[in-house]
Amino acid sequence: MMSDELAEVEYFRYGVAQVNLIPSGRKVKVIIPDEKANNIEVGGIYSISDDYQILDC
């Protein structure tokens, strides 16, 4: 299930993205599978799962 918050990617390196959650402002790290890595853009805003582990990209 997806969270009510959105995730703005601050940086993405070696399969890990640090995201800023909107609107709470919390920062979390999300592991990005190789097959989705080409879809991630720094500054991009994505939906995030309730457990903050999966970006919808």
PDB file of N, CA and C in Angstrom:
ATOM      1  N   MET A   1       0.845  -1.182   0.000  1.00  0.00           N
ATOM      2  CA  MET A   1       0.000   0.000   0.000  1.00  0.00           C
ATOM      3  C   MET A   1       0.892   1.248   0.000  1.00  0.00           C
ATOM      4  N   MET A   2       0.447   2.281  -0.658  1.00  0.00           N
ATOM      5  CA  MET A   2       1.247   3.498  -0.775  1.00  0.00           C
ATOM      6  C   MET A   2       0.913   4.483   0.349  1.00  0.00           C
ATOM      7  N   SER A   3       1.929   5.226   0.766  1.00  0.00           N
ATOM      8  CA  SER A   3       1.804   6.228   1.817  1.00  0.00           C
ATOM      9  C   SER A   3       1.089   7.473   1.275  1.00  0.00           C
ATOM     10  N   ASP A   4       0.554   8.273   2.188  1.00  0.00           N
ATOM     11  CA  ASP A   4      -0.030   9.558   1.800  1.00  0.00           C
ATOM     12  C   ASP A   4       1.056  10.575   1.471  1.00  0.00           C
ATOM     13  N   GLU A   5       2.292  10.284   1.871  1.00  0.00           N
ATOM     14  CA  GLU A   5       3.402  11.198   1.624  1.00  0.00           C
ATOM     15  C   GLU A   5       4.006  10.936   0.247  1.00  0.00           C
ATOM     16  N   LEU A   6       4.714  11.924  -0.259  1.00  0.00           N
ATOM     17  CA  LEU A   6       5.485  11.789  -1.486  1.00  0.00           C
ATOM     18  C   LEU A   6       6.958  11.807  -1.125  1.00  0.00           C
ATOM     19  N   ALA A   7       7.803  11.319  -2.021  1.00  0.00           N
ATOM     20  CA  ALA A   7       9.245  11.253  -1.778  1.00  0.00           C
ATOM     21  C   ALA A   7       9.982  12.015  -2.875  1.00  0.00           C
ATOM     22  N   GLU A   8      10.755  13.024  -2.480  1.00  0.00           N
ATOM     23  CA  GLU A   8      11.590  13.771  -3.420  1.00  0.00           C
ATOM     24  C   GLU A   8      13.022  13.249  -3.298  1.00  0.00           C
ATOM     25  N   VAL A   9      13.581  12.775  -4.398  1.00  0.00           N
ATOM     26  CA  VAL A   9      14.923  12.188  -4.379  1.00  0.00           C
ATOM     27  C   VAL A   9      15.967  13.301  -4.247  1.00  0.00           C
ATOM     28  N   GLU A  10      16.764  13.227  -3.170  1.00  0.00           N
ATOM     29  CA  GLU A  10      17.835  14.205  -2.956  1.00  0.00           C
ATOM     30  C   GLU A  10      19.135  13.741  -3.592  1.00  0.00           C
ATOM     31  N   TYR A  11      19.426  12.461  -3.459  1.00  0.00           N
ATOM     32  CA  TYR A  11      20.574  11.900  -4.182  1.00  0.00           C
ATOM     33  C   TYR A  11      20.353  10.423  -4.407  1.00  0.00           C
ATOM     34  N   PHE A  12      21.033   9.903  -5.399  1.00  0.00           N
ATOM     35  CA  PHE A  12      20.918   8.496  -5.768  1.00  0.00           C
ATOM     36  C   PHE A  12      22.298   7.999  -6.148  1.00  0.00           C
ATOM     37  N   ARG A  13      22.773   6.988  -5.428  1.00  0.00           N
ATOM     38  CA  ARG A  13      24.115   6.468  -5.669  1.00  0.00           C
ATOM     39  C   ARG A  13      24.191   5.013  -5.236  1.00  0.00           C
ATOM     40  N   TYR A  14      24.812   4.203  -6.074  1.00  0.00           N
ATOM     41  CA  TYR A  14      25.048   2.787  -5.767  1.00  0.00           C
ATOM     42  C   TYR A  14      23.785   2.056  -5.325  1.00  0.00           C
ATOM     43  N   GLY A  15      22.662   2.356  -5.961  1.00  0.00           N
ATOM     44  CA  GLY A  15      21.422   1.646  -5.674  1.00  0.00           C
ATOM     45  C   GLY A  15      20.666   2.124  -4.451  1.00  0.00           C
ATOM     46  N   VAL A  16      21.097   3.224  -3.843  1.00  0.00           N
ATOM     47  CA  VAL A  16      20.403   3.764  -2.674  1.00  0.00           C
ATOM     48  C   VAL A  16      20.030   5.213  -2.948  1.00  0.00           C
ATOM     49  N   ALA A  17      18.771   5.541  -2.683  1.00  0.00           N
ATOM     50  CA  ALA A  17      18.301   6.911  -2.842  1.00  0.00           C
ATOM     51  C   ALA A  17      17.986   7.489  -1.466  1.00  0.00           C
ATOM     52  N   GLN A  18      18.441   8.707  -1.218  1.00  0.00           N
ATOM     53  CA  GLN A  18      17.989   9.423  -0.027  1.00  0.00           C
ATOM     54  C   GLN A  18      16.847  10.307  -0.474  1.00  0.00           C
ATOM     55  N   VAL A  19      15.709  10.177   0.214  1.00  0.00           N
ATOM     56  CA  VAL A  19      14.536  10.944  -0.171  1.00  0.00           C
ATOM     57  C   VAL A  19      14.057  11.817   0.977  1.00  0.00           C
ATOM     58  N   ASN A  20      13.496  12.939   0.607  1.00  0.00           N
ATOM     59  CA  ASN A  20      12.868  13.853   1.548  1.00  0.00           C
ATOM     60  C   ASN A  20      11.367  13.611   1.438  1.00  0.00           C
ATOM     61  N   LEU A  21      10.729  13.234   2.562  1.00  0.00           N
ATOM     62  CA  LEU A  21       9.298  12.962   2.535  1.00  0.00           C
ATOM     63  C   LEU A  21       8.511  14.265   2.605  1.00  0.00           C
ATOM     64  N   ILE A  22       7.520  14.365   1.744  1.00  0.00           N
ATOM     65  CA  ILE A  22       6.686  15.559   1.674  1.00  0.00           C
ATOM     66  C   ILE A  22       5.298  15.165   2.160  1.00  0.00           C
ATOM     67  N   PRO A  23       4.697  15.764   3.141  1.00  0.00           N
ATOM     68  CA  PRO A  23       5.011  17.047   3.736  1.00  0.00           C
ATOM     69  C   PRO A  23       5.780  16.967   5.057  1.00  0.00           C
ATOM     70  N   SER A  24       6.076  15.761   5.580  1.00  0.00           N
ATOM     71  CA  SER A  24       6.670  15.662   6.921  1.00  0.00           C
ATOM     72  C   SER A  24       8.094  16.201   7.008  1.00  0.00           C
ATOM     73  N   GLY A  25       8.844  16.158   5.897  1.00  0.00           N
ATOM     74  CA  GLY A  25      10.225  16.640   5.905  1.00  0.00           C
ATOM     75  C   GLY A  25      11.224  15.612   6.407  1.00  0.00           C
ATOM     76  N   ARG A  26      10.771  14.410   6.775  1.00  0.00           N
ATOM     77  CA  ARG A  26      11.701  13.355   7.202  1.00  0.00           C
ATOM     78  C   ARG A  26      12.561  12.922   6.032  1.00  0.00           C
ATOM     79  N   LYS A  27      13.760  12.482   6.335  1.00  0.00           N
ATOM     80  CA  LYS A  27      14.670  11.954   5.319  1.00  0.00           C
ATOM     81  C   LYS A  27      14.843  10.461   5.583  1.00  0.00           C
ATOM     82  N   VAL A  28      14.686   9.662   4.534  1.00  0.00           N
ATOM     83  CA  VAL A  28      14.878   8.213   4.638  1.00  0.00           C
ATOM     84  C   VAL A  28      15.679   7.738   3.438  1.00  0.00           C
ATOM     85  N   LYS A  29      16.301   6.593   3.589  1.00  0.00           N
ATOM     86  CA  LYS A  29      17.042   5.965   2.496  1.00  0.00           C
ATOM     87  C   LYS A  29      16.231   4.788   1.975  1.00  0.00           C
ATOM     88  N   VAL A  30      16.203   4.642   0.654  1.00  0.00           N
ATOM     89  CA  VAL A  30      15.441   3.599  -0.008  1.00  0.00           C
ATOM     90  C   VAL A  30      16.370   2.848  -0.949  1.00  0.00           C
ATOM     91  N   ILE A  31      16.368   1.530  -0.877  1.00  0.00           N
ATOM     92  CA  ILE A  31      17.151   0.708  -1.801  1.00  0.00           C
ATOM     93  C   ILE A  31      16.366   0.583  -3.103  1.00  0.00           C
ATOM     94  N   ILE A  32      17.037   0.877  -4.220  1.00  0.00           N
ATOM     95  CA  ILE A  32      16.403   0.834  -5.535  1.00  0.00           C
ATOM     96  C   ILE A  32      16.923  -0.391  -6.291  1.00  0.00           C
ATOM     97  N   PRO A  33      16.030  -1.300  -6.696  1.00  0.00           N
ATOM     98  CA  PRO A  33      16.467  -2.464  -7.471  1.00  0.00           C
ATOM     99  C   PRO A  33      17.088  -2.032  -8.801  1.00  0.00           C
ATOM    100  N   ASP A  34      18.025  -2.820  -9.301  1.00  0.00           N
ATOM    101  CA  ASP A  34      18.717  -2.507 -10.554  1.00  0.00           C
ATOM    102  C   ASP A  34      17.758  -2.250 -11.709  1.00  0.00           C
ATOM    103  N   GLU A  35      16.671  -3.006 -11.780  1.00  0.00           N
ATOM    104  CA  GLU A  35      15.753  -2.855 -12.916  1.00  0.00           C
ATOM    105  C   GLU A  35      14.989  -1.527 -12.888  1.00  0.00           C
ATOM    106  N   LYS A  36      14.960  -0.842 -11.742  1.00  0.00           N
ATOM    107  CA  LYS A  36      14.288   0.460 -11.655  1.00  0.00           C
ATOM    108  C   LYS A  36      15.278   1.626 -11.595  1.00  0.00           C
ATOM    109  N   ALA A  37      16.557   1.337 -11.515  1.00  0.00           N
ATOM    110  CA  ALA A  37      17.566   2.381 -11.324  1.00  0.00           C
ATOM    111  C   ALA A  37      17.573   3.417 -12.447  1.00  0.00           C
ATOM    112  N   ASN A  38      17.304   3.004 -13.672  1.00  0.00           N
ATOM    113  CA  ASN A  38      17.316   3.947 -14.793  1.00  0.00           C
ATOM    114  C   ASN A  38      16.130   4.907 -14.772  1.00  0.00           C
ATOM    115  N   ASN A  39      15.117   4.599 -13.961  1.00  0.00           N
ATOM    116  CA  ASN A  39      13.918   5.439 -13.893  1.00  0.00           C
ATOM    117  C   ASN A  39      14.014   6.531 -12.831  1.00  0.00           C
ATOM    118  N   ILE A  40      15.036   6.491 -11.989  1.00  0.00           N
ATOM    119  CA  ILE A  40      15.163   7.438 -10.882  1.00  0.00           C
ATOM    120  C   ILE A  40      15.904   8.688 -11.341  1.00  0.00           C
ATOM    121  N   GLU A  41      15.361   9.848 -11.001  1.00  0.00           N
ATOM    122  CA  GLU A  41      16.014  11.118 -11.298  1.00  0.00           C
ATOM    123  C   GLU A  41      16.143  11.924 -10.012  1.00  0.00           C
ATOM    124  N   VAL A  42      17.318  12.502  -9.777  1.00  0.00           N
ATOM    125  CA  VAL A  42      17.504  13.394  -8.638  1.00  0.00           C
ATOM    126  C   VAL A  42      16.579  14.591  -8.831  1.00  0.00           C
ATOM    127  N   GLY A  43      15.838  14.924  -7.787  1.00  0.00           N
ATOM    128  CA  GLY A  43      14.861  15.999  -7.862  1.00  0.00           C
ATOM    129  C   GLY A  43      13.473  15.500  -8.234  1.00  0.00           C
ATOM    130  N   GLY A  44      13.395  14.239  -8.668  1.00  0.00           N
ATOM    131  CA  GLY A  44      12.100  13.664  -9.025  1.00  0.00           C
ATOM    132  C   GLY A  44      11.251  13.409  -7.790  1.00  0.00           C
ATOM    133  N   ILE A  45       9.941  13.451  -7.967  1.00  0.00           N
ATOM    134  CA  ILE A  45       9.009  13.215  -6.866  1.00  0.00           C
ATOM    135  C   ILE A  45       8.208  11.965  -7.203  1.00  0.00           C
ATOM    136  N   TYR A  46       8.187  11.020  -6.248  1.00  0.00           N
ATOM    137  CA  TYR A  46       7.567   9.716  -6.463  1.00  0.00           C
ATOM    138  C   TYR A  46       6.673   9.359  -5.283  1.00  0.00           C
ATOM    139  N   SER A  47       5.723   8.471  -5.530  1.00  0.00           N
ATOM    140  CA  SER A  47       4.950   7.882  -4.448  1.00  0.00           C
ATOM    141  C   SER A  47       5.865   6.908  -3.712  1.00  0.00           C
ATOM    142  N   ILE A  48       5.586   6.698  -2.420  1.00  0.00           N
ATOM    143  CA  ILE A  48       6.407   5.791  -1.620  1.00  0.00           C
ATOM    144  C   ILE A  48       5.498   4.882  -0.807  1.00  0.00           C
ATOM    145  N   SER A  49       5.952   3.650  -0.569  1.00  0.00           N
ATOM    146  CA  SER A  49       5.146   2.688   0.179  1.00  0.00           C
ATOM    147  C   SER A  49       5.006   3.102   1.644  1.00  0.00           C
ATOM    148  N   ASP A  50       4.009   2.525   2.313  1.00  0.00           N
ATOM    149  CA  ASP A  50       3.754   2.827   3.726  1.00  0.00           C
ATOM    150  C   ASP A  50       4.953   2.541   4.622  1.00  0.00           C
ATOM    151  N   ASP A  51       5.760   1.531   4.263  1.00  0.00           N
ATOM    152  CA  ASP A  51       6.924   1.192   5.087  1.00  0.00           C
ATOM    153  C   ASP A  51       8.185   1.940   4.643  1.00  0.00           C
ATOM    154  N   TYR A  52       8.040   2.865   3.681  1.00  0.00           N
ATOM    155  CA  TYR A  52       9.122   3.708   3.169  1.00  0.00           C
ATOM    156  C   TYR A  52      10.269   2.918   2.556  1.00  0.00           C
ATOM    157  N   GLN A  53       9.951   1.752   1.967  1.00  0.00           N
ATOM    158  CA  GLN A  53      10.983   0.913   1.374  1.00  0.00           C
ATOM    159  C   GLN A  53      10.933   0.839  -0.147  1.00  0.00           C
ATOM    160  N   ILE A  54       9.810   1.230  -0.762  1.00  0.00           N
ATOM    161  CA  ILE A  54       9.646   1.071  -2.205  1.00  0.00           C
ATOM    162  C   ILE A  54       9.137   2.363  -2.827  1.00  0.00           C
ATOM    163  N   LEU A  55       9.873   2.861  -3.837  1.00  0.00           N
ATOM    164  CA  LEU A  55       9.407   4.005  -4.613  1.00  0.00           C
ATOM    165  C   LEU A  55       8.610   3.508  -5.795  1.00  0.00           C
ATOM    166  N   ASP A  56       7.559   4.210  -6.137  1.00  0.00           N
ATOM    167  CA  ASP A  56       6.749   3.870  -7.310  1.00  0.00           C
ATOM    168  C   ASP A  56       7.318   4.626  -8.498  1.00  0.00           C
ATOM    169  N   CYS A  57       8.224   3.981  -9.237  1.00  0.00           N
ATOM    170  CA  CYS A  57       8.893   4.655 -10.346  1.00  0.00           C
ATOM    171  C   CYS A  57       8.916   3.776 -11.581  1.00  0.00           C
TER     172      CYS A  57
END
